[in-house]
PDB file of all heavy atoms in Angstrom:
ATOM      1  N   PHE A   1       0.843  -1.197   0.000  1.00  0.00           N
ATOM      2  CA  PHE A   1       0.000   0.000   0.000  1.00  0.00           C
ATOM      3  C   PHE A   1       0.878   1.247   0.000  1.00  0.00           C
ATOM      4  O   PHE A   1       1.894   1.294   0.683  1.00  0.00           O
ATOM      5  CB  PHE A   1      -0.947   0.001   1.202  1.00  0.00           C
ATOM      6  CG  PHE A   1      -1.870  -1.184   1.221  1.00  0.00           C
ATOM      7  CD1 PHE A   1      -1.631  -2.249   2.080  1.00  0.00           C
ATOM      8  CD2 PHE A   1      -2.955  -1.255   0.362  1.00  0.00           C
ATOM      9  CE1 PHE A   1      -2.467  -3.348   2.087  1.00  0.00           C
ATOM     10  CE2 PHE A   1      -3.798  -2.359   0.362  1.00  0.00           C
ATOM     11  CZ  PHE A   1      -3.558  -3.406   1.226  1.00  0.00           C
ATOM     12  N   GLU A   2       0.472   2.234  -0.760  1.00  0.00           N
ATOM     13  CA  GLU A   2       1.266   3.451  -0.928  1.00  0.00           C
ATOM     14  C   GLU A   2       0.757   4.593  -0.053  1.00  0.00           C
ATOM     15  O   GLU A   2      -0.438   4.701   0.208  1.00  0.00           O
ATOM     16  CB  GLU A   2       1.200   3.919  -2.384  1.00  0.00           C
ATOM     17  CG  GLU A   2       1.811   2.979  -3.377  1.00  0.00           C
ATOM     18  CD  GLU A   2       1.694   3.499  -4.798  1.00  0.00           C
ATOM     19  OE1 GLU A   2       1.413   4.697  -4.997  1.00  0.00           O
ATOM     20  OE2 GLU A   2       1.885   2.697  -5.710  1.00  0.00           O
ATOM     21  N   ALA A   3       1.695   5.433   0.322  1.00  0.00           N
ATOM     22  CA  ALA A   3       1.346   6.671   1.009  1.00  0.00           C
ATOM     23  C   ALA A   3       1.108   7.735  -0.058  1.00  0.00           C
ATOM     24  O   ALA A   3       1.806   7.785  -1.071  1.00  0.00           O
ATOM     25  CB  ALA A   3       2.460   7.094   1.945  1.00  0.00           C
ATOM     26  N   HIS A   4       0.094   8.557   0.155  1.00  0.00           N
ATOM     27  CA  HIS A   4      -0.191   9.685  -0.728  1.00  0.00           C
ATOM     28  C   HIS A   4      -0.568  10.870   0.147  1.00  0.00           C
ATOM     29  O   HIS A   4      -1.609  10.845   0.816  1.00  0.00           O
ATOM     30  CB  HIS A   4      -1.317   9.353  -1.700  1.00  0.00           C
ATOM     31  CG  HIS A   4      -1.678  10.488  -2.608  1.00  0.00           C
ATOM     32  ND1 HIS A   4      -0.839  10.917  -3.603  1.00  0.00           N
ATOM     33  CD2 HIS A   4      -2.761  11.282  -2.652  1.00  0.00           C
ATOM     34  CE1 HIS A   4      -1.404  11.935  -4.228  1.00  0.00           C
ATOM     35  NE2 HIS A   4      -2.579  12.182  -3.667  1.00  0.00           N
ATOM     36  N   LYS A   5       0.302  11.877   0.183  1.00  0.00           N
ATOM     37  CA  LYS A   5       0.149  13.027   1.075  1.00  0.00           C
ATOM     38  C   LYS A   5       0.032  12.506   2.501  1.00  0.00           C
ATOM     39  O   LYS A   5       0.896  11.763   2.949  1.00  0.00           O
ATOM     40  CB  LYS A   5      -1.018  13.903   0.654  1.00  0.00           C
ATOM     41  CG  LYS A   5      -0.831  14.518  -0.717  1.00  0.00           C
ATOM     42  CD  LYS A   5      -1.973  15.425  -1.077  1.00  0.00           C
ATOM     43  CE  LYS A   5      -1.762  15.989  -2.486  1.00  0.00           C
ATOM     44  NZ  LYS A   5      -2.861  16.848  -2.900  1.00  0.00           N
ATOM     45  N   GLU A   6      -1.030  12.878   3.222  1.00  0.00           N
ATOM     46  CA  GLU A   6      -1.163  12.442   4.611  1.00  0.00           C
ATOM     47  C   GLU A   6      -1.915  11.125   4.755  1.00  0.00           C
ATOM     48  O   GLU A   6      -2.220  10.694   5.872  1.00  0.00           O
ATOM     49  CB  GLU A   6      -1.852  13.533   5.458  1.00  0.00           C
ATOM     50  CG  GLU A   6      -3.307  13.733   5.164  1.00  0.00           C
ATOM     51  CD  GLU A   6      -3.614  14.723   4.042  1.00  0.00           C
ATOM     52  OE1 GLU A   6      -2.724  15.042   3.245  1.00  0.00           O
ATOM     53  OE2 GLU A   6      -4.768  15.160   3.959  1.00  0.00           O
ATOM     54  N   HIS A   7      -2.202  10.460   3.663  1.00  0.00           N
ATOM     55  CA  HIS A   7      -2.990   9.230   3.680  1.00  0.00           C
ATOM     56  C   HIS A   7      -2.177   8.010   3.262  1.00  0.00           C
ATOM     57  O   HIS A   7      -1.173   8.131   2.569  1.00  0.00           O
ATOM     58  CB  HIS A   7      -4.172   9.345   2.714  1.00  0.00           C
ATOM     59  CG  HIS A   7      -5.116  10.438   3.059  1.00  0.00           C
ATOM     60  ND1 HIS A   7      -5.088  11.658   2.439  1.00  0.00           N
ATOM     61  CD2 HIS A   7      -6.117  10.502   3.968  1.00  0.00           C
ATOM     62  CE1 HIS A   7      -6.030  12.428   2.935  1.00  0.00           C
ATOM     63  NE2 HIS A   7      -6.673  11.755   3.880  1.00  0.00           N
ATOM     64  N   ILE A   8      -2.673   6.857   3.651  1.00  0.00           N
ATOM     65  CA  ILE A   8      -2.238   5.596   3.070  1.00  0.00           C
ATOM     66  C   ILE A   8      -3.422   5.109   2.246  1.00  0.00           C
ATOM     67  O   ILE A   8      -4.558   5.075   2.736  1.00  0.00           O
ATOM     68  CB  ILE A   8      -1.855   4.572   4.156  1.00  0.00           C
ATOM     69  CG1 ILE A   8      -0.623   5.071   4.925  1.00  0.00           C
ATOM     70  CG2 ILE A   8      -1.577   3.210   3.528  1.00  0.00           C
ATOM     71  CD1 ILE A   8      -0.213   4.212   6.088  1.00  0.00           C
ATOM     72  N   LEU A   9      -3.171   4.780   0.991  1.00  0.00           N
ATOM     73  CA  LEU A   9      -4.246   4.315   0.113  1.00  0.00           C
ATOM     74  C   LEU A   9      -4.409   2.812   0.288  1.00  0.00           C
ATOM     75  O   LEU A   9      -3.508   2.035  -0.034  1.00  0.00           O
ATOM     76  CB  LEU A   9      -3.940   4.662  -1.344  1.00  0.00           C
ATOM     77  CG  LEU A   9      -3.796   6.152  -1.649  1.00  0.00           C
ATOM     78  CD1 LEU A   9      -3.419   6.361  -3.107  1.00  0.00           C
ATOM     79  CD2 LEU A   9      -5.082   6.893  -1.318  1.00  0.00           C
ATOM     80  N   ILE A  10      -5.571   2.432   0.799  1.00  0.00           N
ATOM     81  CA  ILE A  10      -5.869   1.017   1.000  1.00  0.00           C
ATOM     82  C   ILE A  10      -7.026   0.678   0.065  1.00  0.00           C
ATOM     83  O   ILE A  10      -8.148   1.149   0.260  1.00  0.00           O
ATOM     84  CB  ILE A  10      -6.204   0.715   2.472  1.00  0.00           C
ATOM     85  CG1 ILE A  10      -4.990   1.082   3.331  1.00  0.00           C
ATOM     86  CG2 ILE A  10      -6.598  -0.755   2.640  1.00  0.00           C
ATOM     87  CD1 ILE A  10      -5.162   0.917   4.795  1.00  0.00           C
ATOM     88  N   ASN A  11      -6.695  -0.078  -0.964  1.00  0.00           N
ATOM     89  CA  ASN A  11      -7.659  -0.376  -2.027  1.00  0.00           C
ATOM     90  C   ASN A  11      -8.265   0.910  -2.591  1.00  0.00           C
ATOM     91  O   ASN A  11      -9.477   1.017  -2.751  1.00  0.00           O
ATOM     92  CB  ASN A  11      -8.734  -1.349  -1.553  1.00  0.00           C
ATOM     93  CG  ASN A  11      -8.158  -2.684  -1.151  1.00  0.00           C
ATOM     94  OD1 ASN A  11      -7.061  -3.060  -1.563  1.00  0.00           O
ATOM     95  ND2 ASN A  11      -8.872  -3.417  -0.330  1.00  0.00           N
ATOM     96  N   LYS A  12      -7.399   1.880  -2.820  1.00  0.00           N
ATOM     97  CA  LYS A  12      -7.725   3.189  -3.399  1.00  0.00           C
ATOM     98  C   LYS A  12      -8.516   4.103  -2.461  1.00  0.00           C
ATOM     99  O   LYS A  12      -8.929   5.181  -2.843  1.00  0.00           O
ATOM    100  CB  LYS A  12      -8.448   3.046  -4.737  1.00  0.00           C
ATOM    101  CG  LYS A  12      -7.620   2.331  -5.780  1.00  0.00           C
ATOM    102  CD  LYS A  12      -8.334   2.258  -7.105  1.00  0.00           C
ATOM    103  CE  LYS A  12      -7.475   1.482  -8.097  1.00  0.00           C
ATOM    104  NZ  LYS A  12      -8.141   1.327  -9.373  1.00  0.00           N
ATOM    105  N   ILE A  13      -8.720   3.679  -1.223  1.00  0.00           N
ATOM    106  CA  ILE A  13      -9.432   4.506  -0.247  1.00  0.00           C
ATOM    107  C   ILE A  13      -8.398   5.199   0.637  1.00  0.00           C
ATOM    108  O   ILE A  13      -7.554   4.532   1.247  1.00  0.00           O
ATOM    109  CB  ILE A  13     -10.381   3.649   0.624  1.00  0.00           C
ATOM    110  CG1 ILE A  13     -11.435   2.976  -0.261  1.00  0.00           C
ATOM    111  CG2 ILE A  13     -11.031   4.496   1.715  1.00  0.00           C
ATOM    112  CD1 ILE A  13     -12.248   1.924   0.452  1.00  0.00           C
ATOM    113  N   PRO A  14      -8.446   6.539   0.713  1.00  0.00           N
ATOM    114  CA  PRO A  14      -7.479   7.246   1.563  1.00  0.00           C
ATOM    115  C   PRO A  14      -7.807   7.057   3.054  1.00  0.00           C
ATOM    116  O   PRO A  14      -8.932   7.291   3.490  1.00  0.00           O
ATOM    117  CB  PRO A  14      -7.621   8.704   1.142  1.00  0.00           C
ATOM    118  CG  PRO A  14      -8.911   8.801   0.408  1.00  0.00           C
ATOM    119  CD  PRO A  14      -9.304   7.440  -0.031  1.00  0.00           C
ATOM    120  N   VAL A  15      -6.798   6.609   3.788  1.00  0.00           N
ATOM    121  CA  VAL A  15      -6.942   6.395   5.227  1.00  0.00           C
ATOM    122  C   VAL A  15      -5.923   7.297   5.918  1.00  0.00           C
ATOM    123  O   VAL A  15      -4.740   7.270   5.594  1.00  0.00           O
ATOM    124  CB  VAL A  15      -6.695   4.921   5.610  1.00  0.00           C
ATOM    125  CG1 VAL A  15      -6.817   4.728   7.119  1.00  0.00           C
ATOM    126  CG2 VAL A  15      -7.652   4.005   4.856  1.00  0.00           C
ATOM    127  N   GLN A  16      -6.416   8.112   6.843  1.00  0.00           N
ATOM    128  CA  GLN A  16      -5.535   9.000   7.588  1.00  0.00           C
ATOM    129  C   GLN A  16      -5.364   8.456   8.998  1.00  0.00           C
ATOM    130  O   GLN A  16      -6.352   8.223   9.709  1.00  0.00           O
ATOM    131  CB  GLN A  16      -6.091  10.418   7.631  1.00  0.00           C
ATOM    132  CG  GLN A  16      -5.147  11.390   8.279  1.00  0.00           C
ATOM    133  CD  GLN A  16      -5.615  12.833   8.164  1.00  0.00           C
ATOM    134  OE1 GLN A  16      -6.798  13.096   8.015  1.00  0.00           O
ATOM    135  NE2 GLN A  16      -4.678  13.750   8.230  1.00  0.00           N
ATOM    136  N   PHE A  17      -4.120   8.242   9.387  1.00  0.00           N
ATOM    137  CA  PHE A  17      -3.808   7.770  10.735  1.00  0.00           C
ATOM    138  C   PHE A  17      -3.460   8.970  11.589  1.00  0.00           C
ATOM    139  O   PHE A  17      -2.573   9.753  11.252  1.00  0.00           O
ATOM    140  CB  PHE A  17      -2.670   6.749  10.691  1.00  0.00           C
ATOM    141  CG  PHE A  17      -3.100   5.451  10.081  1.00  0.00           C
ATOM    142  CD1 PHE A  17      -2.985   5.242   8.721  1.00  0.00           C
ATOM    143  CD2 PHE A  17      -3.669   4.464  10.864  1.00  0.00           C
ATOM    144  CE1 PHE A  17      -3.416   4.055   8.139  1.00  0.00           C
ATOM    145  CE2 PHE A  17      -4.112   3.271  10.295  1.00  0.00           C
ATOM    146  CZ  PHE A  17      -3.978   3.063   8.926  1.00  0.00           C
ATOM    147  N   LEU A  18      -4.184   9.107  12.689  1.00  0.00           N
ATOM    148  CA  LEU A  18      -4.039  10.258  13.568  1.00  0.00           C
ATOM    149  C   LEU A  18      -3.692   9.777  14.977  1.00  0.00           C
ATOM    150  O   LEU A  18      -4.307   8.830  15.478  1.00  0.00           O
ATOM    151  CB  LEU A  18      -5.342  11.057  13.613  1.00  0.00           C
ATOM    152  CG  LEU A  18      -5.880  11.509  12.257  1.00  0.00           C
ATOM    153  CD1 LEU A  18      -7.365  11.827  12.350  1.00  0.00           C
ATOM    154  CD2 LEU A  18      -5.100  12.718  11.793  1.00  0.00           C
ATOM    155  N   VAL A  19      -2.732  10.418  15.573  1.00  0.00           N
ATOM    156  CA  VAL A  19      -2.410  10.134  16.966  1.00  0.00           C
ATOM    157  C   VAL A  19      -3.227  11.108  17.804  1.00  0.00           C
ATOM    158  O   VAL A  19      -3.242  12.305  17.522  1.00  0.00           O
ATOM    159  CB  VAL A  19      -0.898  10.308  17.216  1.00  0.00           C
ATOM    160  CG1 VAL A  19      -0.572  10.088  18.683  1.00  0.00           C
ATOM    161  CG2 VAL A  19      -0.112   9.346  16.337  1.00  0.00           C
ATOM    162  N   PRO A  20      -3.955  10.617  18.812  1.00  0.00           N
ATOM    163  CA  PRO A  20      -4.740  11.535  19.644  1.00  0.00           C
ATOM    164  C   PRO A  20      -3.867  12.662  20.176  1.00  0.00           C
ATOM    165  O   PRO A  20      -2.805  12.419  20.740  1.00  0.00           O
ATOM    166  CB  PRO A  20      -5.251  10.639  20.776  1.00  0.00           C
ATOM    167  CG  PRO A  20      -5.254   9.262  20.187  1.00  0.00           C
ATOM    168  CD  PRO A  20      -4.070   9.234  19.258  1.00  0.00           C
ATOM    169  N   TYR A  21      -4.339  13.880  19.983  1.00  0.00           N
ATOM    170  CA  TYR A  21      -3.533  15.050  20.338  1.00  0.00           C
ATOM    171  C   TYR A  21      -4.070  15.781  21.561  1.00  0.00           C
ATOM    172  O   TYR A  21      -3.561  16.845  21.908  1.00  0.00           O
ATOM    173  CB  TYR A  21      -3.449  16.019  19.153  1.00  0.00           C
ATOM    174  CG  TYR A  21      -4.785  16.360  18.536  1.00  0.00           C
ATOM    175  CD1 TYR A  21      -5.579  17.376  19.048  1.00  0.00           C
ATOM    176  CD2 TYR A  21      -5.254  15.636  17.455  1.00  0.00           C
ATOM    177  CE1 TYR A  21      -6.803  17.667  18.502  1.00  0.00           C
ATOM    178  CE2 TYR A  21      -6.487  15.925  16.890  1.00  0.00           C
ATOM    179  CZ  TYR A  21      -7.256  16.944  17.411  1.00  0.00           C
ATOM    180  OH  TYR A  21      -8.478  17.216  16.871  1.00  0.00           O
ATOM    181  N   ASN A  22      -5.070  15.205  22.222  1.00  0.00           N
ATOM    182  CA  ASN A  22      -5.549  15.796  23.465  1.00  0.00           C
ATOM    183  C   ASN A  22      -6.214  14.713  24.319  1.00  0.00           C
ATOM    184  O   ASN A  22      -6.380  13.569  23.883  1.00  0.00           O
ATOM    185  CB  ASN A  22      -6.489  16.989  23.207  1.00  0.00           C
ATOM    186  CG  ASN A  22      -7.758  16.607  22.474  1.00  0.00           C
ATOM    187  OD1 ASN A  22      -8.286  15.504  22.621  1.00  0.00           O
ATOM    188  ND2 ASN A  22      -8.264  17.521  21.657  1.00  0.00           N
ATOM    189  N   ASP A  23      -6.580  15.085  25.533  1.00  0.00           N
ATOM    190  CA  ASP A  23      -7.157  14.119  26.477  1.00  0.00           C
ATOM    191  C   ASP A  23      -8.464  13.520  25.978  1.00  0.00           C
ATOM    192  O   ASP A  23      -8.719  12.331  26.177  1.00  0.00           O
ATOM    193  CB  ASP A  23      -7.368  14.771  27.845  1.00  0.00           C
ATOM    194  CG  ASP A  23      -6.064  15.105  28.549  1.00  0.00           C
ATOM    195  OD1 ASP A  23      -5.018  14.530  28.178  1.00  0.00           O
ATOM    196  OD2 ASP A  23      -6.086  15.949  29.468  1.00  0.00           O
ATOM    197  N   LEU A  24      -9.309  14.336  25.344  1.00  0.00           N
ATOM    198  CA  LEU A  24     -10.592  13.835  24.856  1.00  0.00           C
ATOM    199  C   LEU A  24     -10.383  12.710  23.841  1.00  0.00           C
ATOM    200  O   LEU A  24     -11.017  11.655  23.937  1.00  0.00           O
ATOM    201  CB  LEU A  24     -11.417  14.971  24.224  1.00  0.00           C
ATOM    202  CG  LEU A  24     -12.714  14.554  23.530  1.00  0.00           C
ATOM    203  CD1 LEU A  24     -13.666  13.845  24.483  1.00  0.00           C
ATOM    204  CD2 LEU A  24     -13.382  15.764  22.896  1.00  0.00           C
ATOM    205  N   LEU A  25      -9.491  12.899  22.897  1.00  0.00           N
ATOM    206  CA  LEU A  25      -9.261  11.884  21.870  1.00  0.00           C
ATOM    207  C   LEU A  25      -8.612  10.630  22.448  1.00  0.00           C
ATOM    208  O   LEU A  25      -8.970   9.509  22.068  1.00  0.00           O
ATOM    209  CB  LEU A  25      -8.413  12.454  20.738  1.00  0.00           C
ATOM    210  CG  LEU A  25      -9.134  13.501  19.884  1.00  0.00           C
ATOM    211  CD1 LEU A  25      -8.163  14.225  18.977  1.00  0.00           C
ATOM    212  CD2 LEU A  25     -10.248  12.869  19.079  1.00  0.00           C
ATOM    213  N   THR A  26      -7.691  10.809  23.386  1.00  0.00           N
ATOM    214  CA  THR A  26      -7.064   9.647  24.023  1.00  0.00           C
ATOM    215  C   THR A  26      -8.106   8.842  24.786  1.00  0.00           C
ATOM    216  O   THR A  26      -8.150   7.611  24.697  1.00  0.00           O
ATOM    217  CB  THR A  26      -5.934  10.105  24.977  1.00  0.00           C
ATOM    218  OG1 THR A  26      -4.977  10.854  24.213  1.00  0.00           O
ATOM    219  CG2 THR A  26      -5.257   8.932  25.642  1.00  0.00           C
ATOM    220  N   GLU A  27      -8.954   9.533  25.516  1.00  0.00           N
ATOM    221  CA  GLU A  27     -10.042   8.890  26.259  1.00  0.00           C
ATOM    222  C   GLU A  27     -11.001   8.184  25.299  1.00  0.00           C
ATOM    223  O   GLU A  27     -11.426   7.053  25.544  1.00  0.00           O
ATOM    224  CB  GLU A  27     -10.778   9.980  27.051  1.00  0.00           C
ATOM    225  CG  GLU A  27     -11.865   9.519  27.961  1.00  0.00           C
ATOM    226  CD  GLU A  27     -12.510  10.708  28.681  1.00  0.00           C
ATOM    227  OE1 GLU A  27     -11.802  11.595  29.191  1.00  0.00           O
ATOM    228  OE2 GLU A  27     -13.754  10.729  28.719  1.00  0.00           O
ATOM    229  N   ALA A  28     -11.321   8.844  24.189  1.00  0.00           N
ATOM    230  CA  ALA A  28     -12.253   8.280  23.203  1.00  0.00           C
ATOM    231  C   ALA A  28     -11.727   6.968  22.629  1.00  0.00           C
ATOM    232  O   ALA A  28     -12.486   6.001  22.481  1.00  0.00           O
ATOM    233  CB  ALA A  28     -12.503   9.292  22.084  1.00  0.00           C
ATOM    234  N   VAL A  29     -10.436   6.917  22.322  1.00  0.00           N
ATOM    235  CA  VAL A  29      -9.850   5.676  21.794  1.00  0.00           C
ATOM    236  C   VAL A  29      -9.884   4.585  22.864  1.00  0.00           C
ATOM    237  O   VAL A  29     -10.226   3.434  22.580  1.00  0.00           O
ATOM    238  CB  VAL A  29      -8.416   5.904  21.275  1.00  0.00           C
ATOM    239  CG1 VAL A  29      -7.754   4.581  20.879  1.00  0.00           C
ATOM    240  CG2 VAL A  29      -8.416   6.872  20.081  1.00  0.00           C
TER     241      VAL A  29
END
């Protein structure tokens, strides 16, 4: 699978991997 800009293309679908950047997102995960 290839990276394209901020995405990894998985079967032509752009997937963005994000690291939680605050307490709310960390808690949500």
